[in-house]
Protein backbone atom coordinates (compact mmCIF):
# COMPACT_ATOMS: atom_id res chain seq x y z
CA MET A 1 -5.29 8.70 1.40
CA ILE A 2 -4.81 6.39 4.40
CA ALA A 3 -8.07 5.48 6.11
CA ARG A 4 -7.47 4.52 9.80
CA LEU A 5 -10.84 3.13 11.10
CA VAL A 6 -11.46 2.41 14.71
CA THR A 7 -14.45 0.17 15.58
CA LEU A 8 -16.50 2.47 17.82
CA ALA A 9 -17.66 -0.51 19.97
CA LEU A 10 -14.18 -0.90 21.25
CA LEU A 11 -13.70 2.80 22.14
CA GLY A 12 -15.06 2.14 25.67
CA CYS A 13 -12.50 -0.76 26.15
CA PRO A 14 -9.07 0.60 25.76
CA GLY A 15 -7.38 -2.66 26.41
CA LEU A 16 -9.23 -4.22 23.43
CA ILE A 17 -8.01 -1.71 20.89
CA PRO A 18 -5.06 -3.02 18.87
CA ALA A 19 -1.94 -0.82 19.00
CA ALA A 20 -1.60 1.52 15.94
CA PRO A 21 1.38 0.92 13.78
CA PRO A 22 4.39 3.28 14.44
CA PRO A 23 4.05 6.71 12.78
CA ASP A 24 6.99 5.99 10.44
CA VAL A 25 5.24 2.79 9.20
CA LEU A 26 2.01 4.77 8.57
CA ASP A 27 4.00 7.50 6.85
CA PHE A 28 5.61 4.80 4.60
CA VAL A 29 2.26 3.37 3.61
CA SER A 30 0.94 6.86 2.85
CA THR A 31 3.90 7.56 0.77
CA LEU A 32 3.23 4.53 -1.31
CA ALA A 33 -0.40 5.72 -1.86
CA GLY A 34 0.91 9.14 -2.67
CA ASP A 35 3.37 8.02 -5.20
CA LEU A 36 0.65 6.09 -7.05
CA ALA A 37 -1.75 9.11 -6.93
CA ASN A 38 0.98 11.47 -8.18
CA ASP A 39 1.80 9.14 -10.99
CA ASP A 40 5.49 9.02 -9.75
CA PHE A 41 6.46 5.48 -10.80
CA ALA A 42 10.35 6.08 -10.20
CA SER A 43 9.54 7.09 -6.56
CA PHE A 44 7.09 4.26 -5.99
CA ILE A 45 9.12 1.39 -7.18
CA ARG A 46 12.23 2.65 -5.22
CA HIS A 47 10.27 1.45 -2.15
CA PHE A 48 10.33 -2.12 -3.25
CA ASP A 49 13.44 -4.47 -2.85
CA ALA A 50 14.48 -5.80 -6.25
CA THR A 51 15.00 -9.26 -4.75
CA MET A 52 11.37 -9.41 -3.65
CA PRO A 53 9.58 -12.61 -4.79
CA GLY A 54 7.71 -11.64 -8.12
CA TYR A 55 9.43 -8.29 -8.32
CA ALA A 56 9.85 -8.28 -12.12
CA GLU A 57 6.01 -8.94 -12.62
CA PHE A 58 5.09 -6.44 -9.96
CA LYS A 59 7.27 -3.70 -11.55
CA SER A 60 5.93 -4.48 -14.98
CA ASP A 61 2.30 -4.40 -13.75
CA ALA A 62 2.74 -1.17 -11.68
CA GLU A 63 4.45 0.54 -14.66
CA SER A 64 1.73 -0.41 -17.03
CA LEU A 65 -1.10 0.59 -14.71
CA MET A 66 0.54 3.89 -13.96
CA GLY A 67 1.17 4.51 -17.70
CA THR A 68 -2.47 4.17 -18.63
CA LYS A 69 -4.60 4.95 -15.55
CA ASP A 70 -4.92 7.60 -12.89
CA VAL A 71 -4.71 5.68 -9.69
CA GLU A 72 -6.07 6.43 -6.10
CA SER A 73 -5.64 4.26 -3.01
CA GLU A 74 -7.47 3.96 0.22
CA ILE A 75 -5.32 1.82 2.54
CA GLU A 76 -6.22 0.61 6.04
CA VAL A 77 -3.92 -1.14 8.24
CA ILE A 78 -5.88 -4.25 9.50
CA ALA A 79 -3.01 -5.90 11.47
CA GLU A 80 0.72 -5.29 12.08
CA SER A 81 3.55 -6.65 14.04
CA GLY A 82 7.26 -6.06 14.13
CA ASP A 83 10.05 -4.19 15.56
CA ARG A 84 12.47 -1.32 14.50
CA GLN A 85 14.02 -3.48 11.69
CA ASN A 86 11.20 -5.60 10.35
CA HIS A 87 7.53 -5.21 10.03
CA ALA A 88 4.59 -7.31 8.79
CA LEU A 89 1.46 -5.60 7.67
CA GLU A 90 -1.96 -6.79 6.65
CA LEU A 91 -3.82 -4.14 4.54
CA ASP A 92 -7.17 -3.63 3.32
CA TRP A 93 -6.24 -1.84 -0.03
CA VAL A 94 -8.86 -0.11 -2.15
CA LEU A 95 -7.50 0.58 -5.56
CA ILE A 96 -9.42 3.03 -7.71
CA THR A 97 -8.29 3.43 -11.24
CA ARG A 98 -9.54 5.73 -14.28
CA ASP A 99 -8.39 6.01 -17.77
CA LYS A 100 -5.98 8.88 -18.09
CA ASN A 101 -7.65 12.03 -19.30
CA ALA A 102 -11.18 10.46 -19.22
CA LEU A 103 -13.80 12.99 -18.44
CA ASN A 104 -16.26 10.53 -17.05
CA GLY A 105 -16.57 6.90 -16.50
CA GLY A 106 -14.09 4.17 -16.95
CA THR A 107 -13.62 3.95 -13.17
CA VAL A 108 -12.72 0.56 -11.74
CA THR A 109 -12.57 -0.09 -8.02
CA ARG A 110 -11.00 -3.16 -6.39
CA ARG A 111 -10.81 -4.12 -2.80
CA VAL A 112 -7.88 -6.53 -1.98
CA ALA A 113 -6.44 -7.87 1.20
CA VAL A 114 -2.70 -7.33 0.95
CA LYS A 115 0.13 -8.75 3.07
CA CYS A 116 3.49 -7.33 2.95
CA SER A 117 6.83 -7.34 4.80
CA LEU A 118 8.95 -4.40 5.57
CA LYS A 119 12.60 -4.24 6.23
CA ARG A 120 14.40 -1.11 7.47
CA ASP A 121 16.97 0.06 4.84
CA ARG A 122 19.17 2.70 6.69
CA LYS A 123 16.52 5.28 7.71
CA THR A 124 13.60 4.16 5.62
CA TRP A 125 11.48 1.02 5.09
CA LYS A 126 11.62 -1.22 1.97
CA VAL A 127 9.01 -3.65 0.95
CA VAL A 128 10.61 -7.18 0.78
CA ALA A 129 7.44 -9.20 0.31
CA PHE A 130 4.05 -8.34 -1.22
CA ASP A 131 1.02 -10.51 -1.62
CA PRO A 132 -0.74 -10.55 -4.13
CA VAL A 133 2.21 -9.60 -6.23
CA ARG A 134 -0.16 -9.04 -9.12
CA LEU A 135 -2.32 -6.41 -7.52
CA PHE A 136 -1.57 -3.80 -10.15
CA LYS A 137 -2.10 -6.04 -13.10
CA LEU A 138 -4.51 -4.62 -15.74
């Protein structure tokens, strides 16, 4: 689920409201969250460039997390900049995890400021930098 919040105080001042990220960037972020929620590691990791700094740890952490936990994400785009080929995002990422097959309890919620860089790869985006790279560490 992507939460796009707008400060109500700014609604009366359209010049002060930051531009929303392009729809394809929002769709990409939503797809990341969806792949996590749907426990689709193969699709999730395909969105990350294998040459990304810390990729090996990132991949291992994500695979371990998704193998043992049900994962939900609430992601808000705080800041963004870029063009049709490159994009930089600052995200407020709420990561909610539960033990797989647990009836009750075992829920852990973490809220993390994430910075990531995207690069267009043909018709889709690919994450080429992600900080903190150990977001998914158990």
